[in-house]
C-alpha atoms as a PDB file:
ATOM      1  CA  MET A   1     -47.670  -2.201  27.642  1.00  0.00           C
ATOM      2  CA  GLY A   2     -49.114  -3.463  24.411  1.00  0.00           C
ATOM      3  CA  LEU A   3     -46.954  -6.600  24.428  1.00  0.00           C
ATOM      4  CA  ILE A   4     -46.763  -7.257  28.170  1.00  0.00           C
ATOM      5  CA  ASN A   5     -50.452  -6.497  28.926  1.00  0.00           C
ATOM      6  CA  PRO A   6     -52.181  -7.758  25.786  1.00  0.00           C
ATOM      7  CA  SER A   7     -55.615  -8.031  27.319  1.00  0.00           C
ATOM      8  CA  ARG A   8     -57.337  -6.936  30.500  1.00  0.00           C
ATOM      9  CA  GLY A   9     -56.076  -8.861  33.506  1.00  0.00           C
ATOM     10  CA  VAL A  10     -53.206 -10.515  31.559  1.00  0.00           C
ATOM     11  CA  VAL A  11     -49.626  -9.483  32.366  1.00  0.00           C
ATOM     12  CA  ASP A  12     -47.077 -11.703  30.631  1.00  0.00           C
ATOM     13  CA  PHE A  13     -43.280 -11.566  31.070  1.00  0.00           C
ATOM     14  CA  GLU A  14     -42.558 -14.880  29.390  1.00  0.00           C
ATOM     15  CA  GLY A  15     -40.422 -15.442  26.274  1.00  0.00           C
ATOM     16  CA  PHE A  16     -39.725 -12.392  24.165  1.00  0.00           C
ATOM     17  CA  ARG A  17     -41.674 -10.262  26.661  1.00  0.00           C
ATOM     18  CA  ALA A  18     -39.226 -11.033  29.505  1.00  0.00           C
ATOM     19  CA  LEU A  19     -37.347  -8.149  31.149  1.00  0.00           C
ATOM     20  CA  LYS A  20     -35.054 -10.216  33.398  1.00  0.00           C
ATOM     21  CA  PRO A  21     -32.792 -11.430  30.501  1.00  0.00           C
ATOM     22  CA  LEU A  22     -32.438  -7.771  29.405  1.00  0.00           C
ATOM     23  CA  TYR A  23     -31.443  -6.684  32.906  1.00  0.00           C
ATOM     24  CA  GLU A  24     -29.025  -9.557  33.205  1.00  0.00           C
ATOM     25  CA  ALA A  25     -27.465  -8.852  29.810  1.00  0.00           C
ATOM     26  CA  ALA A  26     -26.938  -5.231  30.942  1.00  0.00           C
ATOM     27  CA  MET A  27     -25.240  -6.466  34.101  1.00  0.00           C
ATOM     28  CA  ALA A  28     -22.934  -8.722  32.074  1.00  0.00           C
ATOM     29  CA  ALA A  29     -22.074  -5.861  29.678  1.00  0.00           C
ATOM     30  CA  GLY A  30     -21.550  -3.347  32.467  1.00  0.00           C
ATOM     31  CA  ILE A  31     -24.093  -0.799  31.292  1.00  0.00           C
ATOM     32  CA  TRP A  32     -26.743   1.089  33.210  1.00  0.00           C
ATOM     33  CA  VAL A  33     -30.469   0.846  32.505  1.00  0.00           C
ATOM     34  CA  VAL A  34     -33.010   3.619  32.482  1.00  0.00           C
ATOM     35  CA  VAL A  35     -36.396   1.946  32.736  1.00  0.00           C
ATOM     36  CA  ARG A  36     -39.147   3.660  30.776  1.00  0.00           C
ATOM     37  CA  PRO A  37     -42.200   1.567  31.724  1.00  0.00           C
ATOM     38  CA  GLY A  38     -44.666   3.557  29.724  1.00  0.00           C
ATOM     39  CA  PRO A  39     -47.152   1.715  27.691  1.00  0.00           C
ATOM     40  CA  VAL A  40     -44.634   2.269  24.884  1.00  0.00           C
ATOM     41  CA  ASN A  41     -41.300   2.370  26.617  1.00  0.00           C
ATOM     42  CA  MET A  42     -42.859  -0.073  28.958  1.00  0.00           C
ATOM     43  CA  ILE A  43     -44.868   3.534  31.155  1.00  0.00           C
ATOM     44  CA  PRO A  44     -48.276   3.192  29.855  1.00  0.00           C
ATOM     45  CA  TYR A  45     -47.179   5.553  27.085  1.00  0.00           C
ATOM     46  CA  ILE A  46     -43.557   5.352  25.842  1.00  0.00           C
ATOM     47  CA  ASN A  47     -43.150   7.251  22.531  1.00  0.00           C
ATOM     48  CA  ALA A  48     -44.650   8.214  19.215  1.00  0.00           C
ATOM     49  CA  GLU A  49     -42.680   5.670  17.197  1.00  0.00           C
ATOM     50  CA  THR A  50     -44.834   2.723  18.375  1.00  0.00           C
ATOM     51  CA  THR A  51     -48.426   1.860  17.593  1.00  0.00           C
ATOM     52  CA  ALA A  52     -50.722   3.817  19.978  1.00  0.00           C
ATOM     53  CA  GLY A  53     -47.570   4.978  21.726  1.00  0.00           C
ATOM     54  CA  GLY A  54     -47.195   1.489  23.217  1.00  0.00           C
ATOM     55  CA  ILE A  55     -50.589   1.607  24.918  1.00  0.00           C
ATOM     56  CA  ALA A  56     -52.325  -1.744  24.716  1.00  0.00           C
ATOM     57  CA  HIS A  57     -54.940  -1.861  21.958  1.00  0.00           C
ATOM     58  CA  TRP A  58     -57.579  -3.236  24.349  1.00  0.00           C
ATOM     59  CA  VAL A  59     -57.208   0.019  26.295  1.00  0.00           C
ATOM     60  CA  THR A  60     -58.050   2.137  23.269  1.00  0.00           C
ATOM     61  CA  ALA A  61     -61.184   0.103  22.706  1.00  0.00           C
ATOM     62  CA  GLU A  62     -62.404  -0.480  26.280  1.00  0.00           C
ATOM     63  CA  VAL A  63     -61.441   2.567  28.262  1.00  0.00           C
ATOM     64  CA  ALA A  64     -63.996   5.374  27.947  1.00  0.00           C
ATOM     65  CA  GLY A  65     -62.020   7.983  29.894  1.00  0.00           C
ATOM     66  CA  ARG A  66     -59.249  10.213  28.642  1.00  0.00           C
ATOM     67  CA  LEU A  67     -55.967   8.311  28.407  1.00  0.00           C
ATOM     68  CA  ARG A  68     -52.823   9.599  30.152  1.00  0.00           C
ATOM     69  CA  THR A  69     -54.846  11.534  32.718  1.00  0.00           C
ATOM     70  CA  ASN A  70     -56.149  10.756  36.172  1.00  0.00           C
ATOM     71  CA  ASP A  71     -59.495   9.423  34.819  1.00  0.00           C
ATOM     72  CA  SER A  72     -60.405   6.462  37.026  1.00  0.00           C
ATOM     73  CA  ASP A  73     -60.882   3.874  34.235  1.00  0.00           C
ATOM     74  CA  TRP A  74     -57.479   4.714  32.710  1.00  0.00           C
ATOM     75  CA  THR A  75     -55.893   4.348  36.183  1.00  0.00           C
ATOM     76  CA  GLU A  76     -57.514   0.917  36.530  1.00  0.00           C
ATOM     77  CA  ALA A  77     -56.256  -0.037  33.072  1.00  0.00           C
ATOM     78  CA  TRP A  78     -52.525   0.667  33.702  1.00  0.00           C
ATOM     79  CA  ARG A  79     -52.268  -0.448  37.301  1.00  0.00           C
ATOM     80  CA  ASP A  80     -51.682  -4.197  36.745  1.00  0.00           C
ATOM     81  CA  TYR A  81     -49.081  -3.480  34.066  1.00  0.00           C
ATOM     82  CA  ILE A  82     -47.135  -1.041  36.248  1.00  0.00           C
ATOM     83  CA  LEU A  83     -47.250  -3.412  39.270  1.00  0.00           C
ATOM     84  CA  GLY A  84     -45.860  -6.143  37.046  1.00  0.00           C
ATOM     85  CA  ILE A  85     -43.013  -3.896  35.893  1.00  0.00           C
ATOM     86  CA  ILE A  86     -42.218  -3.097  39.475  1.00  0.00           C
ATOM     87  CA  GLU A  87     -42.082  -6.732  40.513  1.00  0.00           C
ATOM     88  CA  GLU A  88     -39.752  -7.622  37.606  1.00  0.00           C
ATOM     89  CA  THR A  89     -37.459  -4.604  38.249  1.00  0.00           C
ATOM     90  CA  VAL A  90     -37.030  -4.445  42.050  1.00  0.00           C
ATOM     91  CA  PRO A  91     -34.356  -7.194  42.224  1.00  0.00           C
ATOM     92  CA  TYR A  92     -32.265  -5.443  39.514  1.00  0.00           C
ATOM     93  CA  GLN A  93     -31.999  -1.977  41.014  1.00  0.00           C
ATOM     94  CA  ILE A  94     -28.555  -0.524  41.681  1.00  0.00           C
ATOM     95  CA  ASN A  95     -28.996  -0.908  45.476  1.00  0.00           C
ATOM     96  CA  ALA A  96     -29.325  -4.684  44.914  1.00  0.00           C
ATOM     97  CA  GLY A  97     -26.272  -4.871  42.660  1.00  0.00           C
ATOM     98  CA  GLY A  98     -28.281  -4.539  39.462  1.00  0.00           C
ATOM     99  CA  PRO A  99     -28.048  -2.223  36.471  1.00  0.00           C
ATOM    100  CA  VAL A 100     -31.215  -0.127  36.970  1.00  0.00           C
ATOM    101  CA  ILE A 101     -30.166   3.328  38.113  1.00  0.00           C
ATOM    102  CA  GLY A 102     -33.271   5.100  37.351  1.00  0.00           C
ATOM    103  CA  MET A 103     -36.502   3.980  36.361  1.00  0.00           C
ATOM    104  CA  SER A 104     -31.703   6.289  35.994  1.00  0.00           C
ATOM    105  CA  ALA A 105     -34.606   5.947  36.921  1.00  0.00           C
ATOM    106  CA  ILE A 106     -38.254   5.119  36.327  1.00  0.00           C
ATOM    107  CA  GLN A 107     -39.436   7.490  33.670  1.00  0.00           C
ATOM    108  CA  LEU A 108     -43.092   8.076  34.408  1.00  0.00           C
ATOM    109  CA  ASP A 109     -44.247   9.028  30.916  1.00  0.00           C
ATOM    110  CA  ASN A 110     -42.726  10.327  27.702  1.00  0.00           C
ATOM    111  CA  GLU A 111     -42.521  13.974  26.597  1.00  0.00           C
ATOM    112  CA  TYR A 112     -45.669  14.951  28.480  1.00  0.00           C
ATOM    113  CA  THR A 113     -46.825  18.400  29.629  1.00  0.00           C
ATOM    114  CA  GLN A 114     -47.905  19.430  33.122  1.00  0.00           C
ATOM    115  CA  ASP A 115     -50.317  22.299  32.609  1.00  0.00           C
ATOM    116  CA  TYR A 116     -53.413  20.524  31.253  1.00  0.00           C
ATOM    117  CA  PRO A 117     -56.146  19.346  33.600  1.00  0.00           C
ATOM    118  CA  GLY A 118     -55.499  15.888  35.006  1.00  0.00           C
ATOM    119  CA  HIS A 119     -51.873  15.616  33.847  1.00  0.00           C
ATOM    120  CA  GLY A 120     -50.140  16.454  37.106  1.00  0.00           C
ATOM    121  CA  GLU A 121     -52.653  14.341  38.993  1.00  0.00           C
ATOM    122  CA  TYR A 122     -51.944  11.419  36.629  1.00  0.00           C
ATOM    123  CA  TYR A 123     -48.199  11.698  37.525  1.00  0.00           C
ATOM    124  CA  GLU A 124     -49.135  11.777  41.195  1.00  0.00           C
ATOM    125  CA  GLU A 125     -51.008   8.521  40.834  1.00  0.00           C
ATOM    126  CA  LEU A 126     -48.088   6.889  39.005  1.00  0.00           C
ATOM    127  CA  LYS A 127     -45.652   8.193  41.589  1.00  0.00           C
ATOM    128  CA  LYS A 128     -47.715   6.814  44.455  1.00  0.00           C
ATOM    129  CA  VAL A 129     -47.692   3.291  43.003  1.00  0.00           C
ATOM    130  CA  PHE A 130     -43.878   3.373  42.712  1.00  0.00           C
ATOM    131  CA  HIS A 131     -43.386   5.002  46.125  1.00  0.00           C
ATOM    132  CA  ASP A 132     -45.599   2.410  47.762  1.00  0.00           C
ATOM    133  CA  SER A 133     -43.463  -0.343  46.311  1.00  0.00           C
ATOM    134  CA  LYS A 134     -39.801  -1.358  46.842  1.00  0.00           C
ATOM    135  CA  ILE A 135     -38.608   0.825  43.994  1.00  0.00           C
ATOM    136  CA  VAL A 136     -35.870   3.141  45.402  1.00  0.00           C
ATOM    137  CA  VAL A 137     -34.263   4.608  42.278  1.00  0.00           C
ATOM    138  CA  PRO A 138     -35.316   8.095  41.177  1.00  0.00           C
ATOM    139  CA  LEU A 139     -38.424   8.748  39.197  1.00  0.00           C
ATOM    140  CA  THR A 140     -37.575  10.819  36.134  1.00  0.00           C
ATOM    141  CA  TYR A 141     -39.175  12.730  33.282  1.00  0.00           C
ATOM    142  CA  ASN A 142     -38.091  13.817  29.783  1.00  0.00           C
ATOM    143  CA  ASP A 143     -39.291  17.232  28.722  1.00  0.00           C
ATOM    144  CA  PRO A 144     -39.624  17.593  24.917  1.00  0.00           C
ATOM    145  CA  ASN A 145     -38.131  21.092  25.067  1.00  0.00           C
ATOM    146  CA  GLN A 146     -37.266  23.841  27.564  1.00  0.00           C
ATOM    147  CA  GLY A 147     -40.701  23.734  29.067  1.00  0.00           C
ATOM    148  CA  GLY A 148     -39.905  23.342  32.766  1.00  0.00           C
ATOM    149  CA  ASN A 149     -42.520  20.631  33.170  1.00  0.00           C
ATOM    150  CA  PHE A 150     -42.747  18.474  36.327  1.00  0.00           C
ATOM    151  CA  ILE A 151     -39.883  20.178  38.160  1.00  0.00           C
ATOM    152  CA  ASN A 152     -42.207  21.727  40.756  1.00  0.00           C
ATOM    153  CA  GLY A 153     -45.840  21.459  41.680  1.00  0.00           C
ATOM    154  CA  THR A 154     -48.296  18.611  41.194  1.00  0.00           C
ATOM    155  CA  GLY A 155     -46.573  15.579  39.683  1.00  0.00           C
ATOM    156  CA  ALA A 156     -43.018  16.832  40.172  1.00  0.00           C
ATOM    157  CA  VAL A 157     -40.444  14.079  39.690  1.00  0.00           C
ATOM    158  CA  ASP A 158     -37.171  13.291  41.500  1.00  0.00           C
ATOM    159  CA  LEU A 159     -34.978  14.054  38.481  1.00  0.00           C
ATOM    160  CA  TYR A 160     -35.947  16.342  35.642  1.00  0.00           C
ATOM    161  CA  GLY A 161     -34.493  15.884  32.157  1.00  0.00           C
ATOM    162  CA  MET A 162     -34.855  17.426  28.718  1.00  0.00           C
ATOM    163  CA  ASP A 163     -34.664  15.734  25.304  1.00  0.00           C
ATOM    164  CA  SER A 164     -32.457  17.276  22.585  1.00  0.00           C
ATOM    165  CA  TYR A 165     -32.375  16.563  18.846  1.00  0.00           C
ATOM    166  CA  PRO A 166     -30.400  19.635  17.789  1.00  0.00           C
ATOM    167  CA  GLN A 167     -29.506  18.567  14.228  1.00  0.00           C
ATOM    168  CA  ARG A 168     -33.071  17.520  13.391  1.00  0.00           C
ATOM    169  CA  PHE A 169     -33.812  15.041  10.617  1.00  0.00           C
ATOM    170  CA  ASP A 170     -33.487  16.586   7.130  1.00  0.00           C
ATOM    171  CA  CYS A 171     -31.309  13.899   5.517  1.00  0.00           C
ATOM    172  CA  SER A 172     -31.956  15.495   2.077  1.00  0.00           C
ATOM    173  CA  HIS A 173     -29.586  18.280   3.102  1.00  0.00           C
ATOM    174  CA  PRO A 174     -26.901  16.540   5.196  1.00  0.00           C
ATOM    175  CA  SER A 175     -24.432  19.414   4.990  1.00  0.00           C
ATOM    176  CA  ALA A 176     -26.903  21.945   6.393  1.00  0.00           C
ATOM    177  CA  TRP A 177     -26.141  22.398  10.034  1.00  0.00           C
ATOM    178  CA  ARG A 178     -28.584  23.538  12.631  1.00  0.00           C
ATOM    179  CA  PRO A 179     -27.421  26.195  15.155  1.00  0.00           C
ATOM    180  CA  VAL A 180     -25.672  24.886  18.229  1.00  0.00           C
ATOM    181  CA  VAL A 181     -27.872  25.453  21.285  1.00  0.00           C
ATOM    182  CA  THR A 182     -25.776  27.373  23.766  1.00  0.00           C
ATOM    183  CA  ASN A 183     -28.205  28.107  26.624  1.00  0.00           C
ATOM    184  CA  TYR A 184     -28.554  24.642  28.135  1.00  0.00           C
ATOM    185  CA  HIS A 185     -26.448  25.513  31.188  1.00  0.00           C
ATOM    186  CA  GLU A 186     -28.301  28.800  31.697  1.00  0.00           C
ATOM    187  CA  TYR A 187     -31.640  26.974  31.438  1.00  0.00           C
ATOM    188  CA  HIS A 188     -30.522  24.281  33.886  1.00  0.00           C
ATOM    189  CA  GLU A 189     -29.231  26.857  36.418  1.00  0.00           C
ATOM    190  CA  ARG A 190     -32.596  28.618  36.155  1.00  0.00           C
ATOM    191  CA  VAL A 191     -35.032  25.763  36.470  1.00  0.00           C
ATOM    192  CA  ASN A 192     -33.366  22.911  38.436  1.00  0.00           C
ATOM    193  CA  PRO A 193     -29.885  23.881  39.659  1.00  0.00           C
ATOM    194  CA  SER A 194     -30.087  21.526  42.661  1.00  0.00           C
ATOM    195  CA  GLN A 195     -30.214  18.442  40.369  1.00  0.00           C
ATOM    196  CA  PRO A 196     -27.646  17.047  37.921  1.00  0.00           C
ATOM    197  CA  TRP A 197     -28.261  18.195  34.340  1.00  0.00           C
ATOM    198  CA  TYR A 198     -29.851  15.182  32.619  1.00  0.00           C
ATOM    199  CA  ILE A 199     -30.486  14.571  28.907  1.00  0.00           C
ATOM    200  CA  PRO A 200     -32.794  11.511  28.686  1.00  0.00           C
ATOM    201  CA  GLU A 201     -32.716  11.541  24.890  1.00  0.00           C
ATOM    202  CA  PHE A 202     -29.876  13.011  22.909  1.00  0.00           C
ATOM    203  CA  GLN A 203     -29.787  12.686  19.149  1.00  0.00           C
ATOM    204  CA  ALA A 204     -27.681   9.723  17.999  1.00  0.00           C
ATOM    205  CA  GLY A 205     -29.024   9.422  14.456  1.00  0.00           C
ATOM    206  CA  SER A 206     -31.810  10.348  12.092  1.00  0.00           C
ATOM    207  CA  TYR A 207     -34.691   8.603  10.355  1.00  0.00           C
ATOM    208  CA  ASP A 208     -34.921   8.286   6.579  1.00  0.00           C
ATOM    209  CA  ALA A 209     -38.219   9.222   5.020  1.00  0.00           C
ATOM    210  CA  TRP A 210     -40.511   6.767   3.252  1.00  0.00           C
ATOM    211  CA  GLY A 211     -41.169   6.728  -0.491  1.00  0.00           C
ATOM    212  CA  PRO A 212     -39.305   7.086  -3.758  1.00  0.00           C
ATOM    213  CA  GLY A 213     -37.981  10.533  -2.818  1.00  0.00           C
ATOM    214  CA  ALA A 214     -36.284   9.323   0.345  1.00  0.00           C
ATOM    215  CA  PRO A 215     -32.571  10.255   0.367  1.00  0.00           C
ATOM    216  CA  GLY A 216     -31.442   6.952   1.858  1.00  0.00           C
ATOM    217  CA  TYR A 217     -29.283   6.043   4.834  1.00  0.00           C
ATOM    218  CA  ALA A 218     -25.953   7.457   3.693  1.00  0.00           C
ATOM    219  CA  PRO A 219     -27.014  11.131   3.888  1.00  0.00           C
ATOM    220  CA  CYS A 220     -28.562  10.455   7.301  1.00  0.00           C
ATOM    221  CA  ALA A 221     -25.297   9.020   8.507  1.00  0.00           C
ATOM    222  CA  GLU A 222     -23.539  12.170   7.238  1.00  0.00           C
ATOM    223  CA  LEU A 223     -26.080  14.469   8.892  1.00  0.00           C
ATOM    224  CA  THR A 224     -25.415  12.994  12.310  1.00  0.00           C
ATOM    225  CA  GLY A 225     -21.911  11.702  11.656  1.00  0.00           C
ATOM    226  CA  PRO A 226     -18.652  12.259  13.517  1.00  0.00           C
ATOM    227  CA  ALA A 227     -18.535  16.002  12.870  1.00  0.00           C
ATOM    228  CA  PHE A 228     -21.980  16.465  14.406  1.00  0.00           C
ATOM    229  CA  GLN A 229     -21.114  14.174  17.273  1.00  0.00           C
ATOM    230  CA  SER A 230     -17.935  16.052  18.047  1.00  0.00           C
ATOM    231  CA  VAL A 231     -19.380  19.548  18.036  1.00  0.00           C
ATOM    232  CA  PHE A 232     -22.665  18.804  19.804  1.00  0.00           C
ATOM    233  CA  ASN A 233     -21.241  16.453  22.409  1.00  0.00           C
ATOM    234  CA  LEU A 234     -18.601  19.047  23.239  1.00  0.00           C
ATOM    235  CA  GLN A 235     -21.487  21.456  23.704  1.00  0.00           C
ATOM    236  CA  LEU A 236     -23.064  19.033  26.233  1.00  0.00           C
ATOM    237  CA  TRP A 237     -19.750  18.858  28.035  1.00  0.00           C
ATOM    238  CA  ALA A 238     -19.619  22.659  28.096  1.00  0.00           C
ATOM    239  CA  SER A 239     -23.200  22.661  29.459  1.00  0.00           C
ATOM    240  CA  ASN A 240     -22.077  20.547  32.421  1.00  0.00           C
ATOM    241  CA  ALA A 241     -24.363  17.644  31.519  1.00  0.00           C
ATOM    242  CA  LYS A 242     -23.918  14.834  34.024  1.00  0.00           C
ATOM    243  CA  LEU A 243     -26.223  12.133  32.608  1.00  0.00           C
ATOM    244  CA  ILE A 244     -26.752  11.573  28.870  1.00  0.00           C
ATOM    245  CA  ASN A 245     -28.861   8.871  27.297  1.00  0.00           C
ATOM    246  CA  TYR A 246     -28.442   8.512  23.522  1.00  0.00           C
ATOM    247  CA  TYR A 247     -31.516   7.848  21.360  1.00  0.00           C
ATOM    248  CA  MET A 248     -30.620   5.529  19.985  1.00  0.00           C
ATOM    249  CA  LEU A 249     -27.577   3.278  19.596  1.00  0.00           C
ATOM    250  CA  VAL A 250     -29.302   0.058  18.545  1.00  0.00           C
ATOM    251  CA  VAL A 251     -32.491   0.051  16.558  1.00  0.00           C
ATOM    252  CA  CYS A 252     -34.739  -1.981  14.390  1.00  0.00           C
ATOM    253  CA  SER A 253     -37.351   0.451  13.224  1.00  0.00           C
ATOM    254  CA  LEU A 254     -40.256   0.772  10.873  1.00  0.00           C
ATOM    255  CA  ASN A 255     -39.212   4.443  10.740  1.00  0.00           C
ATOM    256  CA  LYS A 256     -35.840   3.406   9.302  1.00  0.00           C
ATOM    257  CA  ILE A 257     -33.602   5.109  11.835  1.00  0.00           C
ATOM    258  CA  ALA A 258     -30.072   5.489  10.496  1.00  0.00           C
ATOM    259  CA  LEU A 259     -27.300   5.333  13.050  1.00  0.00           C
ATOM    260  CA  THR A 260     -23.690   6.315  13.094  1.00  0.00           C
ATOM    261  CA  SER A 261     -21.092   4.691  15.320  1.00  0.00           C
ATOM    262  CA  ARG A 262     -18.540   6.665  17.309  1.00  0.00           C
ATOM    263  CA  LYS A 263     -16.077   5.988  14.529  1.00  0.00           C
ATOM    264  CA  GLY A 264     -18.464   7.515  11.972  1.00  0.00           C
ATOM    265  CA  LYS A 265     -19.490   4.219  10.341  1.00  0.00           C
ATOM    266  CA  SER A 266     -23.140   3.875   9.358  1.00  0.00           C
ATOM    267  CA  GLN A 267     -24.817   0.981  11.191  1.00  0.00           C
ATOM    268  CA  ALA A 268     -26.664  -1.718   9.257  1.00  0.00           C
ATOM    269  CA  PRO A 269     -30.392  -0.937   9.298  1.00  0.00           C
ATOM    270  CA  THR A 270     -33.228  -3.430   9.724  1.00  0.00           C
ATOM    271  CA  ARG A 271     -36.925  -3.051   9.002  1.00  0.00           C
ATOM    272  CA  SER A 272     -38.631  -4.690  11.961  1.00  0.00           C
ATOM    273  CA  PRO A 273     -40.282  -2.779  14.801  1.00  0.00           C
ATOM    274  CA  HIS A 274     -37.921  -1.439  17.427  1.00  0.00           C
ATOM    275  CA  ASP A 275     -38.216  -1.908  21.156  1.00  0.00           C
END
């Protein structure tokens, strides 16, 4: 949102802000796209790794109400941006031969909770804008843990998902393994058995810390290397996961994310902001 909607009333999809080249590149490569139109992931809020979570800076200065709720001035602030995302995305949905399977789905917001005042109502307002448009792919959500948010009740989405970073991020101790989570299937059967089990973010790497004491990229690559990938991906298979989105395979991050390829080779890092 911060790039595409840099000031009130301005929605810009030109040049490096364009989405259509991204969608067309995905079509050419034969990969699916999960649109996260939050202010960060393109929804007004997309994640914690971006400045203000991706929310445009003019919003933080001009909107008096509580952000990421159903406060009326926040709703007014995100509406033009979301309508612009919809217009750019509609021709690239899977039903039109495009790569977008879900905005697999539209992800309404990032790692949000349902039980605070105004949160569910905020989702309902976002949902209404998408449902009133030509968007037909499912609306999704990524729970930060086994919280059961937005499966039922006010703001419930079409497809629930849960993020998972089971190995965590302690690159200073790359040989220390976290326990393998074994209850994913039980949790899925308990909270949303009628839907496919969806992991919107599954750990594909780890960030290196800042400062002189940082261990560097090599230990991070070991921490989430081929041994981790084999064991934890087999666990996802055993859990009957049907949709898995890896976070992340390509990155340019101020947080210095270190990646490991499927062959266990550390990927070359860069130090510019990721998107």
